[in-house]
Structures are given as C-alpha cells and as structure tokens.
Amino acid sequence: MLTFIQRLISLVLRLLLVGVGLLFAAALVAAGVVLTLVLVIWSLLRGRRPRVVRFHVDPRAPFAGMRRGPAQPPGEVVDIEAREVPDTPAQLKRDER
C-alpha cells in the first residue's frame, strides 16, 4: 500500500513539473510574439519599414560561411570615398510651409 501512495505522489509531482515547464515555455513564446509585434508597430510608426532577414543554408556546404582568416592580406589599406550624412533621414523630412 505504501508503494502505491509513493507512486501516486511521484506521478502527480511529475505531471505538475511538466505542466509548469509547458506553461513557462508558452509564456516565453508569447513574450517573443508580443515583443516582435511591438517592435514592428514601433518601426512603422517611425516611418521605417521593418526588414525581413532570411537565412539560407546550403545543405551541401553547411559551414561554408564560417571560414576563418583575413579577407585581405594584413597591412593593405582600402581607401574609400567619404560623403556627408544628413542629420534627418529623407523619409522623415516634412514640407515646411
């Protein structure tokens, strides 16, 4: 009789632990969805379209993008043409009347 009660308590504790774990996972997913929606709405209100970033993995070469080593020999300098960056982005400029 004692082992039956121990088994029953053990089963109830396991089910309780699994339920708490599922509840925690659901809360994390819900928080992620809410945060994503808030960030998308915030960027749309600011006049900036949200970027969608898609990752593509070639199954034939899954680690092709993880090569190490410098892209250019060390010591070589690449010269660029500098330009002035405006204070206000073009999409936020308003017509002054």
PDB file of N, CA and C in Angstrom:
ATOM      1  N   MET A   1       0.819  -1.193   0.000  1.00  0.00           N
ATOM      2  CA  MET A   1       0.000   0.000   0.000  1.00  0.00           C
ATOM      3  C   MET A   1       0.866   1.262   0.000  1.00  0.00           C
ATOM      4  N   LEU A   2       1.993   1.198   0.699  1.00  0.00           N
ATOM      5  CA  LEU A   2       2.875   2.353   0.790  1.00  0.00           C
ATOM      6  C   LEU A   2       3.504   2.670  -0.569  1.00  0.00           C
ATOM      7  N   THR A   3       3.864   1.655  -1.340  1.00  0.00           N
ATOM      8  CA  THR A   3       4.467   1.907  -2.654  1.00  0.00           C
ATOM      9  C   THR A   3       3.452   2.508  -3.615  1.00  0.00           C
ATOM     10  N   PHE A   4       2.159   2.148  -3.471  1.00  0.00           N
ATOM     11  CA  PHE A   4       1.138   2.727  -4.322  1.00  0.00           C
ATOM     12  C   PHE A   4       1.021   4.227  -4.058  1.00  0.00           C
ATOM     13  N   ILE A   5       1.051   4.635  -2.806  1.00  0.00           N
ATOM     14  CA  ILE A   5       0.962   6.056  -2.451  1.00  0.00           C
ATOM     15  C   ILE A   5       2.211   6.799  -2.938  1.00  0.00           C
ATOM     16  N   GLN A   6       3.387   6.171  -2.814  1.00  0.00           N
ATOM     17  CA  GLN A   6       4.614   6.796  -3.295  1.00  0.00           C
ATOM     18  C   GLN A   6       4.573   6.969  -4.806  1.00  0.00           C
ATOM     19  N   ARG A   7       4.086   5.974  -5.519  1.00  0.00           N
ATOM     20  CA  ARG A   7       3.959   6.072  -6.980  1.00  0.00           C
ATOM     21  C   ARG A   7       2.986   7.173  -7.370  1.00  0.00           C
ATOM     22  N   LEU A   8       1.866   7.234  -6.655  1.00  0.00           N
ATOM     23  CA  LEU A   8       0.857   8.241  -6.958  1.00  0.00           C
ATOM     24  C   LEU A   8       1.406   9.657  -6.728  1.00  0.00           C
ATOM     25  N   ILE A   9       2.104   9.847  -5.636  1.00  0.00           N
ATOM     26  CA  ILE A   9       2.708  11.161  -5.352  1.00  0.00           C
ATOM     27  C   ILE A   9       3.769  11.493  -6.401  1.00  0.00           C
ATOM     28  N   SER A  10       4.562  10.501  -6.775  1.00  0.00           N
ATOM     29  CA  SER A  10       5.593  10.710  -7.789  1.00  0.00           C
ATOM     30  C   SER A  10       4.960  11.091  -9.133  1.00  0.00           C
ATOM     31  N   LEU A  11       3.882  10.427  -9.505  1.00  0.00           N
ATOM     32  CA  LEU A  11       3.197  10.726 -10.764  1.00  0.00           C
ATOM     33  C   LEU A  11       2.607  12.132 -10.738  1.00  0.00           C
ATOM     34  N   VAL A  12       1.994  12.506  -9.632  1.00  0.00           N
ATOM     35  CA  VAL A  12       1.405  13.835  -9.519  1.00  0.00           C
ATOM     36  C   VAL A  12       2.493  14.905  -9.588  1.00  0.00           C
ATOM     37  N   LEU A  13       3.621  14.693  -8.933  1.00  0.00           N
ATOM     38  CA  LEU A  13       4.717  15.657  -8.984  1.00  0.00           C
ATOM     39  C   LEU A  13       5.298  15.784 -10.391  1.00  0.00           C
ATOM     40  N   ARG A  14       5.431  14.670 -11.080  1.00  0.00           N
ATOM     41  CA  ARG A  14       5.941  14.713 -12.462  1.00  0.00           C
ATOM     42  C   ARG A  14       4.991  15.482 -13.371  1.00  0.00           C
ATOM     43  N   LEU A  15       3.689  15.195 -13.238  1.00  0.00           N
ATOM     44  CA  LEU A  15       2.716  15.906 -14.065  1.00  0.00           C
ATOM     45  C   LEU A  15       2.710  17.401 -13.741  1.00  0.00           C
ATOM     46  N   LEU A  16       2.847  17.733 -12.484  1.00  0.00           N
ATOM     47  CA  LEU A  16       2.902  19.135 -12.076  1.00  0.00           C
ATOM     48  C   LEU A  16       4.140  19.814 -12.659  1.00  0.00           C
ATOM     49  N   LEU A  17       5.270  19.130 -12.602  1.00  0.00           N
ATOM     50  CA  LEU A  17       6.510  19.687 -13.140  1.00  0.00           C
ATOM     51  C   LEU A  17       6.434  19.862 -14.657  1.00  0.00           C
ATOM     52  N   VAL A  18       5.873  18.905 -15.352  1.00  0.00           N
ATOM     53  CA  VAL A  18       5.715  19.025 -16.805  1.00  0.00           C
ATOM     54  C   VAL A  18       4.766  20.177 -17.132  1.00  0.00           C
ATOM     55  N   GLY A  19       3.690  20.312 -16.370  1.00  0.00           N
ATOM     56  CA  GLY A  19       2.739  21.411 -16.597  1.00  0.00           C
ATOM     57  C   GLY A  19       3.381  22.765 -16.385  1.00  0.00           C
ATOM     58  N   VAL A  20       4.189  22.902 -15.336  1.00  0.00           N
ATOM     59  CA  VAL A  20       4.880  24.168 -15.084  1.00  0.00           C
ATOM     60  C   VAL A  20       5.876  24.456 -16.210  1.00  0.00           C
ATOM     61  N   GLY A  21       6.562  23.429 -16.674  1.00  0.00           N
ATOM     62  CA  GLY A  21       7.506  23.623 -17.785  1.00  0.00           C
ATOM     63  C   GLY A  21       6.809  24.057 -19.065  1.00  0.00           C
ATOM     64  N   LEU A  22       5.669  23.443 -19.368  1.00  0.00           N
ATOM     65  CA  LEU A  22       4.911  23.838 -20.561  1.00  0.00           C
ATOM     66  C   LEU A  22       4.376  25.263 -20.427  1.00  0.00           C
ATOM     67  N   LEU A  23       3.941  25.610 -19.240  1.00  0.00           N
ATOM     68  CA  LEU A  23       3.452  26.970 -19.002  1.00  0.00           C
ATOM     69  C   LEU A  23       4.578  27.995 -19.174  1.00  0.00           C
ATOM     70  N   PHE A  24       5.756  27.664 -18.683  1.00  0.00           N
ATOM     71  CA  PHE A  24       6.910  28.551 -18.832  1.00  0.00           C
ATOM     72  C   PHE A  24       7.283  28.709 -20.308  1.00  0.00           C
ATOM     73  N   ALA A  25       7.294  27.605 -21.056  1.00  0.00           N
ATOM     74  CA  ALA A  25       7.622  27.681 -22.483  1.00  0.00           C
ATOM     75  C   ALA A  25       6.583  28.507 -23.239  1.00  0.00           C
ATOM     76  N   ALA A  26       5.304  28.329 -22.910  1.00  0.00           N
ATOM     77  CA  ALA A  26       4.254  29.106 -23.573  1.00  0.00           C
ATOM     78  C   ALA A  26       4.394  30.589 -23.243  1.00  0.00           C
ATOM     79  N   ALA A  27       4.779  30.906 -22.018  1.00  0.00           N
ATOM     80  CA  ALA A  27       4.973  32.305 -21.642  1.00  0.00           C
ATOM     81  C   ALA A  27       6.137  32.922 -22.415  1.00  0.00           C
ATOM     82  N   LEU A  28       7.210  32.162 -22.618  1.00  0.00           N
ATOM     83  CA  LEU A  28       8.348  32.675 -23.396  1.00  0.00           C
ATOM     84  C   LEU A  28       7.960  32.928 -24.855  1.00  0.00           C
ATOM     85  N   VAL A  29       7.198  32.008 -25.430  1.00  0.00           N
ATOM     86  CA  VAL A  29       6.754  32.188 -26.820  1.00  0.00           C
ATOM     87  C   VAL A  29       5.840  33.406 -26.927  1.00  0.00           C
ATOM     88  N   ALA A  30       4.914  33.541 -25.991  1.00  0.00           N
ATOM     89  CA  ALA A  30       4.005  34.689 -26.012  1.00  0.00           C
ATOM     90  C   ALA A  30       4.778  35.995 -25.855  1.00  0.00           C
ATOM     91  N   ALA A  31       5.770  36.027 -24.968  1.00  0.00           N
ATOM     92  CA  ALA A  31       6.576  37.238 -24.787  1.00  0.00           C
ATOM     93  C   ALA A  31       7.340  37.574 -26.073  1.00  0.00           C
ATOM     94  N   GLY A  32       7.849  36.572 -26.758  1.00  0.00           N
ATOM     95  CA  GLY A  32       8.550  36.807 -28.017  1.00  0.00           C
ATOM     96  C   GLY A  32       7.633  37.362 -29.092  1.00  0.00           C
ATOM     97  N   VAL A  33       6.406  36.841 -29.173  1.00  0.00           N
ATOM     98  CA  VAL A  33       5.448  37.329 -30.161  1.00  0.00           C
ATOM     99  C   VAL A  33       5.054  38.768 -29.848  1.00  0.00           C
ATOM    100  N   VAL A  34       4.785  39.057 -28.586  1.00  0.00           N
ATOM    101  CA  VAL A  34       4.404  40.423 -28.197  1.00  0.00           C
ATOM    102  C   VAL A  34       5.551  41.390 -28.466  1.00  0.00           C
ATOM    103  N   LEU A  35       6.775  41.015 -28.128  1.00  0.00           N
ATOM    104  CA  LEU A  35       7.921  41.887 -28.375  1.00  0.00           C
ATOM    105  C   LEU A  35       8.109  42.139 -29.876  1.00  0.00           C
ATOM    106  N   THR A  36       7.929  41.123 -30.685  1.00  0.00           N
ATOM    107  CA  THR A  36       8.051  41.289 -32.134  1.00  0.00           C
ATOM    108  C   THR A  36       6.993  42.247 -32.660  1.00  0.00           C
ATOM    109  N   LEU A  37       5.753  42.075 -32.211  1.00  0.00           N
ATOM    110  CA  LEU A  37       4.686  42.965 -32.654  1.00  0.00           C
ATOM    111  C   LEU A  37       4.944  44.410 -32.218  1.00  0.00           C
ATOM    112  N   VAL A  38       5.408  44.604 -31.001  1.00  0.00           N
ATOM    113  CA  VAL A  38       5.703  45.958 -30.519  1.00  0.00           C
ATOM    114  C   VAL A  38       6.810  46.597 -31.355  1.00  0.00           C
ATOM    115  N   LEU A  39       7.853  45.843 -31.668  1.00  0.00           N
ATOM    116  CA  LEU A  39       8.944  46.403 -32.471  1.00  0.00           C
ATOM    117  C   LEU A  39       8.502  46.719 -33.895  1.00  0.00           C
ATOM    118  N   VAL A  40       7.660  45.876 -34.479  1.00  0.00           N
ATOM    119  CA  VAL A  40       7.167  46.138 -35.834  1.00  0.00           C
ATOM    120  C   VAL A  40       6.283  47.377 -35.841  1.00  0.00           C
ATOM    121  N   ILE A  41       5.380  47.483 -34.879  1.00  0.00           N
ATOM    122  CA  ILE A  41       4.497  48.655 -34.815  1.00  0.00           C
ATOM    123  C   ILE A  41       5.316  49.920 -34.559  1.00  0.00           C
ATOM    124  N   TRP A  42       6.313  49.829 -33.686  1.00  0.00           N
ATOM    125  CA  TRP A  42       7.164  50.986 -33.397  1.00  0.00           C
ATOM    126  C   TRP A  42       7.910  51.456 -34.647  1.00  0.00           C
ATOM    127  N   SER A  43       8.439  50.516 -35.414  1.00  0.00           N
ATOM    128  CA  SER A  43       9.166  50.922 -36.616  1.00  0.00           C
ATOM    129  C   SER A  43       8.216  51.486 -37.667  1.00  0.00           C
ATOM    130  N   LEU A  44       6.997  50.963 -37.758  1.00  0.00           N
ATOM    131  CA  LEU A  44       6.039  51.521 -38.718  1.00  0.00           C
ATOM    132  C   LEU A  44       5.584  52.918 -38.302  1.00  0.00           C
ATOM    133  N   LEU A  45       5.422  53.156 -37.016  1.00  0.00           N
ATOM    134  CA  LEU A  45       5.045  54.488 -36.552  1.00  0.00           C
ATOM    135  C   LEU A  45       6.158  55.501 -36.805  1.00  0.00           C
ATOM    136  N   ARG A  46       7.385  55.052 -36.793  1.00  0.00           N
ATOM    137  CA  ARG A  46       8.517  55.947 -37.049  1.00  0.00           C
ATOM    138  C   ARG A  46       8.764  56.139 -38.538  1.00  0.00           C
ATOM    139  N   GLY A  47       8.009  55.443 -39.381  1.00  0.00           N
ATOM    140  CA  GLY A  47       8.147  55.617 -40.822  1.00  0.00           C
ATOM    141  C   GLY A  47       9.211  54.745 -41.447  1.00  0.00           C
ATOM    142  N   ARG A  48       9.633  53.744 -40.750  1.00  0.00           N
ATOM    143  CA  ARG A  48      10.652  52.847 -41.296  1.00  0.00           C
ATOM    144  C   ARG A  48      10.043  51.465 -41.474  1.00  0.00           C
ATOM    145  N   ARG A  49      10.226  50.932 -42.642  1.00  0.00           N
ATOM    146  CA  ARG A  49       9.686  49.607 -42.922  1.00  0.00           C
ATOM    147  C   ARG A  49      10.576  48.554 -42.274  1.00  0.00           C
ATOM    148  N   PRO A  50       9.978  47.590 -41.551  1.00  0.00           N
ATOM    149  CA  PRO A  50      10.807  46.563 -40.911  1.00  0.00           C
ATOM    150  C   PRO A  50      11.490  45.676 -41.953  1.00  0.00           C
ATOM    151  N   ARG A  51      12.754  45.356 -41.689  1.00  0.00           N
ATOM    152  CA  ARG A  51      13.492  44.478 -42.588  1.00  0.00           C
ATOM    153  C   ARG A  51      13.210  43.025 -42.240  1.00  0.00           C
ATOM    154  N   VAL A  52      13.031  42.217 -43.249  1.00  0.00           N
ATOM    155  CA  VAL A  52      12.877  40.782 -43.044  1.00  0.00           C
ATOM    156  C   VAL A  52      14.208  40.143 -43.419  1.00  0.00           C
ATOM    157  N   VAL A  53      14.817  39.480 -42.468  1.00  0.00           N
ATOM    158  CA  VAL A  53      16.102  38.848 -42.699  1.00  0.00           C
ATOM    159  C   VAL A  53      15.867  37.348 -42.818  1.00  0.00           C
ATOM    160  N   ARG A  54      16.261  36.815 -43.944  1.00  0.00           N
ATOM    161  CA  ARG A  54      16.097  35.377 -44.158  1.00  0.00           C
ATOM    162  C   ARG A  54      17.475  34.742 -44.259  1.00  0.00           C
ATOM    163  N   PHE A  55      17.628  33.636 -43.582  1.00  0.00           N
ATOM    164  CA  PHE A  55      18.886  32.917 -43.606  1.00  0.00           C
ATOM    165  C   PHE A  55      18.740  31.708 -44.517  1.00  0.00           C
ATOM    166  N   HIS A  56      19.706  31.529 -45.382  1.00  0.00           N
ATOM    167  CA  HIS A  56      19.689  30.389 -46.291  1.00  0.00           C
ATOM    168  C   HIS A  56      20.909  29.527 -46.005  1.00  0.00           C
ATOM    169  N   VAL A  57      20.680  28.249 -45.848  1.00  0.00           N
ATOM    170  CA  VAL A  57      21.766  27.311 -45.593  1.00  0.00           C
ATOM    171  C   VAL A  57      21.797  26.314 -46.736  1.00  0.00           C
ATOM    172  N   ASP A  58      22.962  26.184 -47.333  1.00  0.00           N
ATOM    173  CA  ASP A  58      23.140  25.193 -48.383  1.00  0.00           C
ATOM    174  C   ASP A  58      23.447  23.861 -47.722  1.00  0.00           C
ATOM    175  N   PRO A  59      22.573  22.858 -47.879  1.00  0.00           N
ATOM    176  CA  PRO A  59      22.817  21.582 -47.193  1.00  0.00           C
ATOM    177  C   PRO A  59      24.073  20.865 -47.671  1.00  0.00           C
ATOM    178  N   ARG A  60      24.550  21.221 -48.853  1.00  0.00           N
ATOM    179  CA  ARG A  60      25.772  20.577 -49.349  1.00  0.00           C
ATOM    180  C   ARG A  60      27.018  21.159 -48.700  1.00  0.00           C
ATOM    181  N   ALA A  61      26.928  22.407 -48.235  1.00  0.00           N
ATOM    182  CA  ALA A  61      28.072  23.055 -47.593  1.00  0.00           C
ATOM    183  C   ALA A  61      27.568  23.858 -46.403  1.00  0.00           C
ATOM    184  N   PRO A  62      27.191  23.203 -45.309  1.00  0.00           N
ATOM    185  CA  PRO A  62      26.566  23.928 -44.204  1.00  0.00           C
ATOM    186  C   PRO A  62      27.481  24.909 -43.478  1.00  0.00           C
ATOM    187  N   PHE A  63      28.785  24.721 -43.540  1.00  0.00           N
ATOM    188  CA  PHE A  63      29.700  25.612 -42.831  1.00  0.00           C
ATOM    189  C   PHE A  63      30.517  26.463 -43.794  1.00  0.00           C
ATOM    190  N   ALA A  64      29.982  26.744 -44.962  1.00  0.00           N
ATOM    191  CA  ALA A  64      30.729  27.494 -45.973  1.00  0.00           C
ATOM    192  C   ALA A  64      30.950  28.942 -45.549  1.00  0.00           C
ATOM    193  N   GLY A  65      30.046  29.514 -44.771  1.00  0.00           N
ATOM    194  CA  GLY A  65      30.185  30.907 -44.372  1.00  0.00           C
ATOM    195  C   GLY A  65      31.054  31.105 -43.150  1.00  0.00           C
ATOM    196  N   MET A  66      31.613  30.042 -42.597  1.00  0.00           N
ATOM    197  CA  MET A  66      32.389  30.148 -41.368  1.00  0.00           C
ATOM    198  C   MET A  66      33.879  29.950 -41.606  1.00  0.00           C
ATOM    199  N   ARG A  67      34.354  30.437 -42.724  1.00  0.00           N
ATOM    200  CA  ARG A  67      35.783  30.311 -42.999  1.00  0.00           C
ATOM    201  C   ARG A  67      36.532  31.344 -42.183  1.00  0.00           C
ATOM    202  N   ARG A  68      37.674  30.964 -41.710  1.00  0.00           N
ATOM    203  CA  ARG A  68      38.491  31.893 -40.921  1.00  0.00           C
ATOM    204  C   ARG A  68      39.619  32.438 -41.769  1.00  0.00           C
ATOM    205  N   GLY A  69      40.166  33.520 -41.289  1.00  0.00           N
ATOM    206  CA  GLY A  69      41.297  34.124 -41.992  1.00  0.00           C
ATOM    207  C   GLY A  69      40.917  35.476 -42.536  1.00  0.00           C
ATOM    208  N   PRO A  70      41.897  36.317 -42.722  1.00  0.00           N
ATOM    209  CA  PRO A  70      41.599  37.668 -43.222  1.00  0.00           C
ATOM    210  C   PRO A  70      41.158  37.625 -44.676  1.00  0.00           C
ATOM    211  N   ALA A  71      40.243  38.532 -45.018  1.00  0.00           N
ATOM    212  CA  ALA A  71      39.764  38.615 -46.387  1.00  0.00           C
ATOM    213  C   ALA A  71      40.836  39.222 -47.285  1.00  0.00           C
ATOM    214  N   GLN A  72      41.679  40.085 -46.713  1.00  0.00           N
ATOM    215  CA  GLN A  72      42.761  40.711 -47.461  1.00  0.00           C
ATOM    216  C   GLN A  72      44.043  40.517 -46.675  1.00  0.00           C
ATOM    217  N   PRO A  73      45.144  40.573 -47.346  1.00  0.00           N
ATOM    218  CA  PRO A  73      46.413  40.441 -46.620  1.00  0.00           C
ATOM    219  C   PRO A  73      46.551  41.551 -45.583  1.00  0.00           C
ATOM    220  N   PRO A  74      47.108  41.245 -44.409  1.00  0.00           N
ATOM    221  CA  PRO A  74      47.247  42.283 -43.389  1.00  0.00           C
ATOM    222  C   PRO A  74      48.192  43.385 -43.857  1.00  0.00           C
ATOM    223  N   GLY A  75      47.869  44.603 -43.476  1.00  0.00           N
ATOM    224  CA  GLY A  75      48.696  45.730 -43.849  1.00  0.00           C
ATOM    225  C   GLY A  75      48.218  46.454 -45.087  1.00  0.00           C
ATOM    226  N   GLU A  76      47.316  45.858 -45.828  1.00  0.00           N
ATOM    227  CA  GLU A  76      46.806  46.513 -47.021  1.00  0.00           C
ATOM    228  C   GLU A  76      45.644  47.424 -46.629  1.00  0.00           C
ATOM    229  N   VAL A  77      45.679  48.660 -47.122  1.00  0.00           N
ATOM    230  CA  VAL A  77      44.670  49.645 -46.759  1.00  0.00           C
ATOM    231  C   VAL A  77      43.739  49.848 -47.945  1.00  0.00           C
ATOM    232  N   VAL A  78      42.439  49.847 -47.662  1.00  0.00           N
ATOM    233  CA  VAL A  78      41.447  50.107 -48.700  1.00  0.00           C
ATOM    234  C   VAL A  78      40.942  51.523 -48.502  1.00  0.00           C
ATOM    235  N   ASP A  79      41.103  52.365 -49.531  1.00  0.00           N
ATOM    236  CA  ASP A  79      40.681  53.749 -49.443  1.00  0.00           C
ATOM    237  C   ASP A  79      39.234  53.852 -49.896  1.00  0.00           C
ATOM    238  N   ILE A  80      38.443  54.662 -49.178  1.00  0.00           N
ATOM    239  CA  ILE A  80      37.049  54.854 -49.543  1.00  0.00           C
ATOM    240  C   ILE A  80      36.806  56.323 -49.812  1.00  0.00           C
ATOM    241  N   GLU A  81      35.707  56.595 -50.471  1.00  0.00           N
ATOM    242  CA  GLU A  81      35.322  57.971 -50.723  1.00  0.00           C
ATOM    243  C   GLU A  81      34.294  58.367 -49.672  1.00  0.00           C
ATOM    244  N   ALA A  82      34.630  59.328 -48.834  1.00  0.00           N
ATOM    245  CA  ALA A  82      33.743  59.751 -47.747  1.00  0.00           C
ATOM    246  C   ALA A  82      32.677  60.688 -48.288  1.00  0.00           C
ATOM    247  N   ARG A  83      31.498  60.641 -47.658  1.00  0.00           N
ATOM    248  CA  ARG A  83      30.429  61.561 -48.031  1.00  0.00           C
ATOM    249  C   ARG A  83      29.734  62.035 -46.765  1.00  0.00           C
ATOM    250  N   GLU A  84      29.080  63.178 -46.854  1.00  0.00           N
ATOM    251  CA  GLU A  84      28.383  63.765 -45.724  1.00  0.00           C
ATOM    252  C   GLU A  84      27.055  63.038 -45.506  1.00  0.00           C
ATOM    253  N   VAL A  85      26.744  62.714 -44.255  1.00  0.00           N
ATOM    254  CA  VAL A  85      25.476  62.066 -43.920  1.00  0.00           C
ATOM    255  C   VAL A  85      24.544  63.132 -43.363  1.00  0.00           C
ATOM    256  N   PRO A  86      23.331  63.246 -43.942  1.00  0.00           N
ATOM    257  CA  PRO A  86      22.417  64.286 -43.450  1.00  0.00           C
ATOM    258  C   PRO A  86      21.925  63.965 -42.041  1.00  0.00           C
ATOM    259  N   ASP A  87      21.546  65.033 -41.294  1.00  0.00           N
ATOM    260  CA  ASP A  87      21.056  64.851 -39.930  1.00  0.00           C
ATOM    261  C   ASP A  87      19.707  64.152 -39.905  1.00  0.00           C
ATOM    262  N   THR A  88      18.803  64.508 -40.813  1.00  0.00           N
ATOM    263  CA  THR A  88      17.463  63.935 -40.856  1.00  0.00           C
ATOM    264  C   THR A  88      17.359  63.006 -42.065  1.00  0.00           C
ATOM    265  N   PRO A  89      16.923  61.758 -41.848  1.00  0.00           N
ATOM    266  CA  PRO A  89      16.746  60.856 -42.990  1.00  0.00           C
ATOM    267  C   PRO A  89      15.700  61.399 -43.959  1.00  0.00           C
ATOM    268  N   ALA A  90      15.796  61.007 -45.212  1.00  0.00           N
ATOM    269  CA  ALA A  90      14.929  61.545 -46.261  1.00  0.00           C
ATOM    270  C   ALA A  90      13.461  61.239 -46.001  1.00  0.00           C
ATOM    271  N   GLN A  91      13.136  60.083 -45.464  1.00  0.00           N
ATOM    272  CA  GLN A  91      11.735  59.730 -45.288  1.00  0.00           C
ATOM    273  C   GLN A  91      11.081  60.488 -44.132  1.00  0.00           C
ATOM    274  N   LEU A  92      11.857  61.158 -43.285  1.00  0.00           N
ATOM    275  CA  LEU A  92      11.295  61.888 -42.156  1.00  0.00           C
ATOM    276  C   LEU A  92      11.194  63.390 -42.405  1.00  0.00           C
ATOM    277  N   LYS A  93      11.696  63.861 -43.554  1.00  0.00           N
ATOM    278  CA  LYS A  93      11.639  65.296 -43.836  1.00  0.00           C
ATOM    279  C   LYS A  93      10.195  65.707 -44.112  1.00  0.00           C
ATOM    280  N   ARG A  94       9.808  66.820 -43.531  1.00  0.00           N
ATOM    281  CA  ARG A  94       8.455  67.353 -43.705  1.00  0.00           C
ATOM    282  C   ARG A  94       8.537  68.627 -44.563  1.00  0.00           C
ATOM    283  N   ASP A  95       7.475  68.877 -45.299  1.00  0.00           N
ATOM    284  CA  ASP A  95       7.397  70.123 -46.081  1.00  0.00           C
ATOM    285  C   ASP A  95       7.170  71.267 -45.120  1.00  0.00           C
ATOM    286  N   GLU A  96       8.044  72.274 -45.167  1.00  0.00           N
ATOM    287  CA  GLU A  96       7.887  73.439 -44.308  1.00  0.00           C
ATOM    288  C   GLU A  96       7.084  74.494 -45.045  1.00  0.00           C
ATOM    289  N   ARG A  97       6.017  74.952 -44.428  1.00  0.00           N
ATOM    290  CA  ARG A  97       5.156  75.964 -45.071  1.00  0.00           C
ATOM    291  C   ARG A  97       5.089  77.192 -44.241  1.00  0.00           C
TER     292      ARG A  97
END
